[in-house]
């Protein structure tokens, strides 16, 4: 049994329930979650799960995230289940690397201040949008919504057009202008101001920092925030691995110029850029500079999106 040090507001933790919650058997996990809820201990166990991340290996964190989803992930609250929006101050972003042709040349871009969500948009957040608007459910959802064990995982199988529709809807609901981040904004959040670092946490790959491909037995989509050691300099998590993230920018060659037309993408024939890599990616594809493009009408099981927000309402 894994023991987490610290003061507890609960008399004890049942070792059998705990082992089932973080074990590899999904049915046992579901049964354990039902028992915990019947005991009205779900909030306490959920806190214990999050506190346990640091002592659970990366290959087991998807299991931990599923247990947290089944118990109720208290990091996200109704009515919209949004992530915290973390500010990124005006600064210079360093885009590109010498590693691949589509990442060259390395260059600097001035980026105005904005806010970016701590995590990608989750299934539970996107489900509210589906329920309120009647838009088409992503592939793999049932009529009742996303799988219960993946409510806190990033929504996938959403195109750029789906993501833009969500941004427009949540903007109307809240009065803030939500949108997809530009490529330069995404990179500065991942790398930091005037920083050429390779990964959000530094220049050396660390398997404890990102959900990446480690083999067919252990690699799969996980809940957001299961790799907190990989957070960037502004506090954003999951900028490397788990899911690729759509940006607003067209997948045009560097150098990046916001005024050259790449930030006015209206056509379905022009590819959109994405960053971050996924759970299917090798470490080389989760570098901050790694980029690829796909059509805005396409959707994939390894691609989601994250919200950006201007500081003013309206």
Protein backbone atom coordinates (compact mmCIF):
# COMPACT_ATOMS: atom_id res chain seq x y z
CA UNK A 1 0.00 0.00 0.00
CA UNK A 2 1.20 3.49 -0.83
CA UNK A 3 1.25 5.75 2.19
CA UNK A 4 1.01 9.50 1.75
CA UNK A 5 2.41 11.54 4.60
CA UNK A 6 0.42 14.40 6.00
CA UNK A 7 -2.42 15.27 8.30
CA UNK A 8 -5.73 13.59 7.47
CA UNK A 9 -9.33 14.48 8.22
CA UNK A 10 -10.31 10.82 7.78
CA UNK A 11 -9.68 8.09 10.36
CA UNK A 12 -8.19 5.55 7.96
CA UNK A 13 -7.82 4.42 4.39
CA UNK A 14 -9.06 0.97 3.51
CA UNK A 15 -6.09 -0.77 1.86
CA UNK A 16 -8.33 -2.95 -0.30
CA UNK A 17 -10.31 -0.01 -1.64
CA UNK A 18 -7.12 1.95 -2.21
CA UNK A 19 -5.45 -0.91 -4.09
CA UNK A 20 -8.52 -1.29 -6.29
CA UNK A 21 -8.73 2.43 -7.01
CA UNK A 22 -5.16 2.69 -8.30
CA UNK A 23 -4.88 -0.83 -9.70
CA UNK A 24 -5.00 -1.86 -13.34
CA UNK A 25 -8.41 -3.58 -13.25
CA UNK A 26 -11.01 -1.05 -14.42
CA UNK A 27 -14.01 -3.03 -13.13
CA UNK A 28 -12.48 -3.31 -9.67
CA UNK A 29 -11.80 0.43 -9.80
CA UNK A 30 -15.42 1.14 -10.67
CA UNK A 31 -16.68 -1.12 -7.86
CA UNK A 32 -14.30 0.52 -5.38
CA UNK A 33 -15.44 3.99 -6.42
CA UNK A 34 -19.07 2.98 -5.84
CA UNK A 35 -18.19 1.74 -2.38
CA UNK A 36 -16.30 4.92 -1.52
CA UNK A 37 -19.24 7.03 -2.65
CA UNK A 38 -21.62 4.90 -0.58
CA UNK A 39 -19.39 5.59 2.44
CA UNK A 40 -19.52 9.31 1.57
CA UNK A 41 -15.72 9.37 1.53
CA UNK A 42 -15.18 10.33 -2.09
CA UNK A 43 -13.82 13.82 -1.37
CA UNK A 44 -11.22 12.48 1.04
CA UNK A 45 -10.11 9.69 -1.29
CA UNK A 46 -9.97 12.14 -4.20
CA UNK A 47 -7.59 14.37 -2.25
CA UNK A 48 -5.49 11.33 -1.38
CA UNK A 49 -5.26 10.38 -5.05
CA UNK A 50 -3.97 13.79 -6.08
CA UNK A 51 -1.49 13.84 -3.21
CA UNK A 52 -0.21 10.44 -4.36
CA UNK A 53 0.88 11.52 -7.84
CA UNK A 54 4.47 12.11 -6.81
CA UNK A 55 4.91 8.55 -5.52
CA UNK A 56 3.14 6.73 -8.35
CA UNK A 57 5.09 5.84 -11.47
CA UNK A 58 4.15 7.43 -14.81
CA UNK A 59 2.81 4.14 -16.17
CA UNK A 60 0.15 4.07 -13.40
CA UNK A 61 -1.04 7.66 -13.51
CA UNK A 62 -3.77 7.06 -16.06
CA UNK A 63 -5.28 4.59 -13.57
CA UNK A 64 -5.09 7.21 -10.83
CA UNK A 65 -6.78 9.76 -13.09
CA UNK A 66 -9.61 7.36 -13.89
CA UNK A 67 -10.23 6.73 -10.19
CA UNK A 68 -10.31 10.48 -9.59
CA UNK A 69 -12.87 10.88 -12.38
CA UNK A 70 -15.11 8.17 -10.92
CA UNK A 71 -14.98 9.73 -7.45
CA UNK A 72 -15.52 13.28 -8.72
CA UNK A 73 -12.60 15.52 -9.61
CA UNK A 74 -12.94 18.49 -7.26
CA UNK A 75 -10.48 20.57 -9.33
CA UNK A 76 -13.35 21.41 -11.71
CA UNK A 77 -16.64 22.98 -10.65
CA UNK A 78 -20.04 23.50 -12.27
CA UNK A 79 -21.55 25.02 -14.22
CA UNK A 80 -18.74 25.04 -16.82
CA UNK A 81 -15.93 22.96 -15.23
CA UNK A 82 -13.30 25.35 -16.54
CA UNK A 83 -9.61 25.25 -15.75
CA UNK A 84 -8.01 28.18 -14.00
CA UNK A 85 -6.83 30.84 -16.43
CA UNK A 86 -3.18 31.67 -15.74
CA UNK A 87 -1.72 34.99 -16.93
CA UNK A 88 1.17 35.22 -19.37
CA UNK A 89 2.75 38.65 -19.37
CA UNK A 90 3.86 40.55 -22.47
CA UNK A 91 7.27 39.28 -23.50
CA UNK A 92 9.39 37.86 -26.31
CA UNK A 93 8.84 34.27 -27.44
CA UNK A 94 11.56 32.24 -29.10
CA UNK A 95 10.04 30.11 -31.84
CA UNK A 96 11.69 27.25 -33.65
CA UNK A 97 14.78 25.08 -33.35
CA UNK A 98 17.59 23.89 -35.64
CA UNK A 99 16.29 20.31 -35.46
CA UNK A 100 13.80 20.15 -38.37
CA UNK A 101 13.15 22.26 -41.50
CA UNK A 102 9.62 23.29 -40.44
CA UNK A 103 11.05 24.60 -37.16
CA UNK A 104 13.54 26.90 -38.86
CA UNK A 105 14.67 29.59 -38.63
CA UNK A 106 14.86 30.16 -34.90
CA UNK A 107 13.46 33.64 -34.32
CA UNK A 108 11.93 35.97 -31.75
CA UNK A 109 8.36 37.26 -31.66
CA UNK A 110 6.79 39.92 -29.44
CA UNK A 111 3.71 38.54 -27.65
CA UNK A 112 1.14 40.68 -25.86
CA UNK A 113 -0.19 39.65 -22.46
CA UNK A 114 -3.02 37.11 -22.32
CA UNK A 115 -4.30 34.26 -20.17
CA UNK A 116 -4.08 30.54 -20.94
CA UNK A 117 -5.94 27.68 -19.29
CA UNK A 118 -3.93 25.60 -16.85
CA UNK A 119 -5.19 22.42 -18.55
CA UNK A 120 -6.72 21.44 -21.89
CA UNK A 121 -10.52 21.45 -22.09
CA UNK A 122 -11.85 18.30 -20.44
CA UNK A 123 -14.62 15.93 -21.43
CA UNK A 124 -16.84 17.11 -18.58
CA UNK A 125 -16.47 20.74 -19.67
CA UNK A 126 -17.17 19.90 -23.31
CA UNK A 127 -20.20 17.82 -22.29
CA UNK A 128 -21.88 20.96 -20.93
CA UNK A 129 -21.42 22.59 -24.32
CA UNK A 130 -22.92 19.56 -26.08
CA UNK A 131 -25.90 19.49 -23.74
CA UNK A 132 -26.58 23.20 -24.06
CA UNK A 133 -26.13 23.53 -27.82
CA UNK A 134 -27.08 20.12 -29.21
CA UNK A 135 -23.85 19.96 -31.21
CA UNK A 136 -22.59 16.58 -32.32
CA UNK A 137 -20.93 14.41 -29.69
CA UNK A 138 -17.32 13.38 -30.26
CA UNK A 139 -16.77 9.88 -31.58
CA UNK A 140 -16.78 7.30 -28.79
CA UNK A 141 -19.27 9.08 -26.53
CA UNK A 142 -22.56 7.45 -25.62
CA UNK A 143 -25.88 9.25 -25.65
CA UNK A 144 -25.37 10.05 -21.98
CA UNK A 145 -21.97 11.63 -22.59
CA UNK A 146 -18.29 10.76 -22.27
CA UNK A 147 -17.09 7.61 -20.46
CA UNK A 148 -17.43 8.17 -16.69
CA UNK A 149 -13.79 7.21 -16.08
CA UNK A 150 -12.58 9.90 -18.51
CA UNK A 151 -14.58 12.95 -17.43
CA UNK A 152 -11.38 14.72 -16.35
CA UNK A 153 -9.38 13.71 -19.44
CA UNK A 154 -8.91 16.11 -22.36
CA UNK A 155 -11.69 16.03 -24.91
CA UNK A 156 -10.43 14.53 -28.18
CA UNK A 157 -11.91 13.83 -31.61
CA UNK A 158 -12.69 17.55 -31.90
CA UNK A 159 -11.78 19.56 -34.97
CA UNK A 160 -10.65 23.16 -35.03
CA UNK A 161 -14.18 24.08 -36.09
CA UNK A 162 -15.57 22.24 -33.03
CA UNK A 163 -13.06 24.00 -30.78
CA UNK A 164 -13.96 27.39 -32.26
CA UNK A 165 -17.67 26.71 -31.70
CA UNK A 166 -16.93 25.86 -28.07
CA UNK A 167 -14.91 29.07 -27.66
CA UNK A 168 -17.75 31.15 -29.10
CA UNK A 169 -20.28 29.47 -26.81
CA UNK A 170 -18.29 29.82 -23.58
CA UNK A 171 -17.58 33.45 -24.49
CA UNK A 172 -21.29 34.14 -24.76
CA UNK A 173 -21.94 32.35 -21.49
CA UNK A 174 -19.27 34.14 -19.45
CA UNK A 175 -18.80 37.52 -21.10
CA UNK A 176 -15.08 36.92 -21.62
CA UNK A 177 -13.50 36.46 -25.05
CA UNK A 178 -12.23 32.91 -25.12
CA UNK A 179 -10.38 31.62 -28.18
CA UNK A 180 -7.64 29.29 -29.29
CA UNK A 181 -4.09 30.48 -28.58
CA UNK A 182 -1.92 31.65 -31.43
CA UNK A 183 1.18 29.61 -32.15
CA UNK A 184 3.40 32.28 -30.61
CA UNK A 185 1.24 32.40 -27.48
CA UNK A 186 1.33 28.62 -27.08
CA UNK A 187 5.12 28.56 -27.42
CA UNK A 188 5.77 31.34 -24.93
CA UNK A 189 3.55 29.58 -22.36
CA UNK A 190 5.53 26.38 -22.91
CA UNK A 191 9.03 27.85 -23.09
CA UNK A 192 8.79 30.98 -21.00
CA UNK A 193 9.78 34.54 -21.84
CA UNK A 194 12.82 34.85 -24.13
CA UNK A 195 13.69 31.22 -23.40
CA UNK A 196 14.82 28.52 -25.87
CA UNK A 197 14.30 25.57 -23.50
CA UNK A 198 13.53 22.27 -25.20
CA UNK A 199 10.73 21.11 -22.88
CA UNK A 200 8.45 23.10 -20.56
CA UNK A 201 10.49 21.93 -17.56
CA UNK A 202 14.00 22.22 -19.04
CA UNK A 203 16.35 20.82 -21.66
CA UNK A 204 16.45 17.14 -20.65
CA UNK A 205 13.55 14.77 -21.16
CA UNK A 206 12.08 13.35 -17.94
CA UNK A 207 9.40 10.58 -18.07
CA UNK A 208 7.95 11.91 -14.81
CA UNK A 209 7.04 15.15 -16.58
CA UNK A 210 4.89 14.06 -19.53
CA UNK A 211 2.45 11.39 -20.67
CA UNK A 212 4.28 10.00 -23.71
CA UNK A 213 4.56 6.69 -25.53
CA UNK A 214 6.24 4.03 -23.41
CA UNK A 215 4.68 0.96 -25.03
CA UNK A 216 1.26 -0.48 -25.84
CA UNK A 217 0.68 -1.86 -22.35
CA UNK A 218 0.98 1.38 -20.44
CA UNK A 219 0.45 4.33 -22.79
CA UNK A 220 -3.01 5.85 -23.07
CA UNK A 221 -4.90 9.08 -22.60
CA UNK A 222 -4.87 10.24 -18.99
CA UNK A 223 -6.66 12.81 -16.87
CA UNK A 224 -5.23 16.30 -17.00
CA UNK A 225 -2.68 17.29 -14.39
CA UNK A 226 -1.22 13.84 -13.74
CA UNK A 227 2.33 15.05 -14.49
CA UNK A 228 2.67 18.24 -12.41
CA UNK A 229 6.48 18.10 -12.46
CA UNK A 230 6.26 19.05 -16.13
CA UNK A 231 4.51 22.38 -15.66
CA UNK A 232 5.88 25.39 -17.49
CA UNK A 233 7.31 28.59 -16.08
CA UNK A 234 3.87 30.26 -15.97
CA UNK A 235 2.25 27.29 -14.19
CA UNK A 236 0.54 25.59 -17.15
CA UNK A 237 0.45 21.80 -17.16
CA UNK A 238 0.29 19.13 -19.87
CA UNK A 239 1.94 21.31 -22.50
CA UNK A 240 4.02 18.25 -23.40
CA UNK A 241 2.31 14.93 -24.07
CA UNK A 242 -1.20 13.59 -23.44
CA UNK A 243 -2.82 15.42 -26.40
CA UNK A 244 -1.68 17.62 -29.25
CA UNK A 245 -3.34 21.03 -28.97
CA UNK A 246 -4.88 23.06 -31.78
CA UNK A 247 -3.74 26.64 -32.23
CA UNK A 248 -5.48 29.42 -34.13
CA UNK A 249 -2.55 29.85 -36.55
CA UNK A 250 -2.17 28.40 -40.00
CA UNK A 251 0.60 25.86 -40.48
CA UNK A 252 2.76 28.20 -42.51
CA UNK A 253 6.57 28.27 -42.71
CA UNK A 254 8.62 30.29 -40.25
CA UNK A 255 9.39 33.01 -39.47
CA UNK A 256 6.11 33.69 -37.72
CA UNK A 257 4.45 37.03 -38.50
CA UNK A 258 1.01 37.52 -36.99
CA UNK A 259 0.10 40.10 -39.63
CA UNK A 260 0.98 38.02 -42.71
CA UNK A 261 -2.40 36.26 -42.89
CA UNK A 262 -1.69 33.21 -40.76
CA UNK A 263 -3.96 34.57 -38.03
CA UNK A 264 -6.89 35.08 -40.40
CA UNK A 265 -7.69 31.44 -41.16
CA UNK A 266 -11.08 31.14 -42.78
CA UNK A 267 -10.51 28.37 -45.29
CA UNK A 268 -11.04 24.66 -44.61
CA UNK A 269 -8.27 23.92 -47.13
CA UNK A 270 -5.41 25.42 -45.12
CA UNK A 271 -3.82 23.35 -42.38
CA UNK A 272 -3.86 24.57 -38.78
CA UNK A 273 -0.85 24.20 -36.56
CA UNK A 274 -0.80 22.10 -33.40
CA UNK A 275 1.77 21.72 -30.65
CA UNK A 276 2.55 19.58 -27.63
CA UNK A 277 2.62 15.96 -28.77
CA UNK A 278 0.46 13.23 -27.27
CA UNK A 279 0.44 9.97 -25.34
CA UNK A 280 1.35 8.31 -28.64
CA UNK A 281 4.35 10.57 -29.18
CA UNK A 282 8.03 9.91 -28.60
CA UNK A 283 9.94 12.51 -26.56
CA UNK A 284 11.18 14.27 -29.71
CA UNK A 285 7.59 15.16 -30.62
CA UNK A 286 6.75 16.75 -27.26
CA UNK A 287 9.47 19.40 -27.52
CA UNK A 288 8.18 22.97 -27.29
CA UNK A 289 9.28 23.64 -30.86
CA UNK A 290 7.71 20.51 -32.38
CA UNK A 291 4.82 21.41 -34.66
CA UNK A 292 2.57 19.76 -37.19
CA UNK A 293 -0.50 20.67 -39.20
CA UNK A 294 -3.86 19.17 -40.09
CA UNK A 295 -7.03 20.35 -41.80
CA UNK A 296 -9.36 22.32 -39.51
CA UNK A 297 -12.28 20.04 -40.29
CA UNK A 298 -10.40 16.88 -39.24
CA UNK A 299 -10.41 15.33 -35.77
CA UNK A 300 -8.17 12.76 -34.12
CA UNK A 301 -8.04 10.65 -30.98
CA UNK A 302 -4.76 12.31 -29.94
CA UNK A 303 -5.75 15.98 -30.46
CA UNK A 304 -7.59 18.34 -28.13
CA UNK A 305 -7.41 22.06 -27.37
CA UNK A 306 -6.80 24.62 -24.63
CA UNK A 307 -8.49 27.96 -24.04
CA UNK A 308 -6.82 31.33 -24.33
CA UNK A 309 -8.49 34.51 -23.11
CA UNK A 310 -8.00 38.19 -23.63
CA UNK A 311 -7.87 40.18 -20.43
CA UNK A 312 -10.84 42.43 -21.23
CA UNK A 313 -14.47 41.32 -21.37
CA UNK A 314 -16.54 41.39 -24.53
